[in-house]
Protein backbone atom coordinates (compact mmCIF):
# COMPACT_ATOMS: atom_id res chain seq x y z
CA MET A 1 89.26 -57.81 -29.30
CA GLY A 2 88.99 -61.50 -30.22
CA SER A 3 85.77 -61.77 -28.27
CA MET A 4 84.41 -58.65 -29.95
CA SER A 5 84.89 -60.10 -33.45
CA MET A 6 83.33 -63.34 -32.26
CA ASP A 7 80.25 -61.42 -31.11
CA ARG A 8 80.04 -59.69 -34.44
CA MET A 9 80.29 -62.99 -36.27
CA GLY A 10 77.66 -64.52 -34.04
CA SER A 11 75.17 -61.70 -34.58
CA SER A 12 75.85 -61.68 -38.30
CA PHE A 13 75.27 -65.42 -38.43
CA ASP A 14 71.99 -65.01 -36.55
CA ARG A 15 70.73 -62.49 -39.08
CA VAL A 16 71.69 -64.74 -41.98
CA GLY A 17 70.15 -67.74 -40.23
CA MET A 18 66.93 -65.85 -39.55
CA SER A 19 66.71 -64.64 -43.13
CA GLY A 20 67.17 -68.21 -44.36
CA MET A 21 64.43 -69.45 -42.07
CA GLU A 22 62.02 -66.82 -43.33
CA MET A 23 62.67 -67.88 -46.90
CA ASN A 24 62.13 -71.52 -46.03
CA ARG A 25 58.86 -70.71 -44.33
CA GLY A 26 57.67 -68.59 -47.25
CA PHE A 27 58.53 -71.03 -49.98
CA GLY A 28 58.63 -74.29 -48.00
CA GLY A 29 58.86 -77.56 -49.90
CA TYR A 30 55.13 -78.15 -49.52
CA GLY A 31 53.56 -79.62 -52.59
CA GLY A 32 56.97 -80.10 -54.21
CA GLY A 33 57.77 -79.28 -57.80
CA GLY A 34 57.33 -75.95 -59.44
CA HIS A 35 54.10 -74.64 -57.97
CA VAL A 36 55.46 -72.43 -55.22
CA GLY A 37 52.41 -70.15 -55.15
CA GLY A 38 50.05 -73.13 -55.12
CA GLY A 39 51.99 -74.71 -52.28
CA MET A 40 51.59 -71.62 -50.14
CA SER A 41 47.85 -71.35 -50.80
CA ASP A 42 47.36 -75.08 -50.18
CA ARG A 43 49.09 -74.81 -46.84
CA GLY A 44 47.09 -71.69 -45.94
CA SER A 45 43.78 -73.36 -46.78
CA ALA A 46 44.68 -76.54 -44.94
CA SER A 47 45.67 -74.60 -41.84
CA LYS A 48 42.21 -72.94 -41.75
CA GLY A 49 40.70 -76.40 -41.46
CA GLY A 50 37.45 -77.69 -42.87
CA CYS A 51 38.84 -78.26 -46.37
CA GLN A 52 39.11 -82.04 -46.09
CA ILE A 53 36.35 -84.64 -45.97
CA PHE A 54 36.33 -88.23 -44.78
CA VAL A 55 34.39 -90.76 -46.86
CA ARG A 56 33.30 -94.13 -45.40
CA ASN A 57 31.78 -97.29 -46.90
CA LEU A 58 33.67 -97.07 -50.18
CA SER A 59 33.78 -100.01 -52.56
CA TYR A 60 37.02 -101.95 -52.08
CA ASP A 61 37.87 -101.67 -55.78
CA LEU A 62 37.48 -97.87 -55.94
CA THR A 63 40.70 -96.05 -56.87
CA TRP A 64 41.81 -92.62 -55.67
CA GLN A 65 41.40 -91.36 -59.25
CA LYS A 66 37.73 -92.41 -59.32
CA LEU A 67 37.19 -90.94 -55.85
CA LYS A 68 38.64 -87.63 -57.06
CA ASP A 69 36.43 -87.69 -60.17
CA LYS A 70 33.27 -88.37 -58.13
CA PHE A 71 33.89 -85.35 -55.89
CA SER A 72 35.30 -82.96 -58.52
CA HIS A 73 31.86 -81.52 -59.33
CA CYS A 74 31.65 -80.23 -55.72
CA GLY A 75 34.76 -78.05 -56.11
CA GLN A 76 38.44 -78.14 -56.96
CA VAL A 77 39.94 -81.34 -55.53
CA MET A 78 43.52 -80.82 -54.36
CA PHE A 79 44.13 -84.37 -53.10
CA ALA A 80 42.27 -87.68 -52.87
CA GLU A 81 43.38 -90.83 -51.06
CA ILE A 82 42.03 -94.31 -50.38
CA LYS A 83 43.20 -95.65 -47.01
CA MET A 84 45.11 -98.90 -47.54
CA GLU A 85 46.27 -101.72 -45.29
CA ASN A 86 48.43 -104.60 -46.51
CA GLY A 87 47.81 -103.57 -50.10
CA ARG A 88 44.00 -103.63 -49.76
CA SER A 89 41.52 -100.81 -49.44
CA LYS A 90 40.10 -100.21 -45.97
CA GLY A 91 36.88 -98.95 -47.58
CA CYS A 92 37.41 -95.31 -46.61
CA GLY A 93 39.31 -92.31 -47.85
CA THR A 94 39.86 -88.58 -47.74
CA VAL A 95 39.36 -85.79 -50.25
CA ARG A 96 40.91 -82.33 -49.78
CA PHE A 97 39.37 -79.31 -51.48
CA ASP A 98 40.75 -75.84 -52.14
CA CYS A 99 38.28 -74.21 -49.72
CA PRO A 100 35.96 -75.14 -46.83
CA GLU A 101 32.87 -74.20 -48.86
CA SER A 102 33.62 -76.95 -51.40
CA ALA A 103 34.09 -79.50 -48.60
CA GLU A 104 30.75 -78.50 -47.05
CA LYS A 105 29.06 -78.70 -50.46
CA ALA A 106 30.50 -82.21 -50.92
CA CYS A 107 29.07 -83.28 -47.55
CA ARG A 108 25.62 -81.95 -48.45
CA MET A 109 25.57 -83.32 -52.00
CA MET A 110 27.35 -86.65 -51.64
CA ASN A 111 26.41 -87.94 -48.17
CA GLY A 112 24.03 -90.89 -48.60
CA THR A 113 24.61 -91.23 -52.35
CA LYS A 114 25.82 -94.43 -53.99
CA ILE A 115 29.31 -94.76 -55.39
CA ASN A 116 29.99 -98.10 -57.13
CA GLY A 117 26.81 -99.52 -55.58
CA ARG A 118 27.57 -98.56 -51.97
CA GLU A 119 25.91 -95.78 -49.96
CA VAL A 120 28.70 -93.56 -48.69
CA ASP A 121 28.97 -91.53 -45.50
CA VAL A 122 30.65 -88.15 -46.10
CA ARG A 123 31.75 -85.86 -43.26
CA ILE A 124 34.21 -83.05 -42.59
CA ASP A 125 37.49 -84.70 -41.54
CA ARG A 126 38.16 -83.71 -37.93
CA ASN A 127 41.69 -85.13 -38.09
CA ALA A 128 42.83 -82.91 -40.96
């Protein structure tokens, strides 16, 4: 009898545990804050791939805000980052868009253009 109640407890715990995991997966902490729906769509888009671009030959004084502004006319920018090392720009960065079409448009429109006096190389980020 003791073992029977233990089995029941174990199976009940498994169901509760599984239910909890499903909720965590659905709402996940991705993106933080109060945009649960946005977090799910961001994760979905990112998992499809092709939404992020890699930008090389950036001016060392370019900020992530300016990088985001430069690429915002290509589509909705979800994230922009300048790669840093020891507090200094490495001269490259990434920009993540809401969809692969915007990333492809950014590659076509911005590759070879000048940003802050430097001709930039823009490609789909293979590491995203």
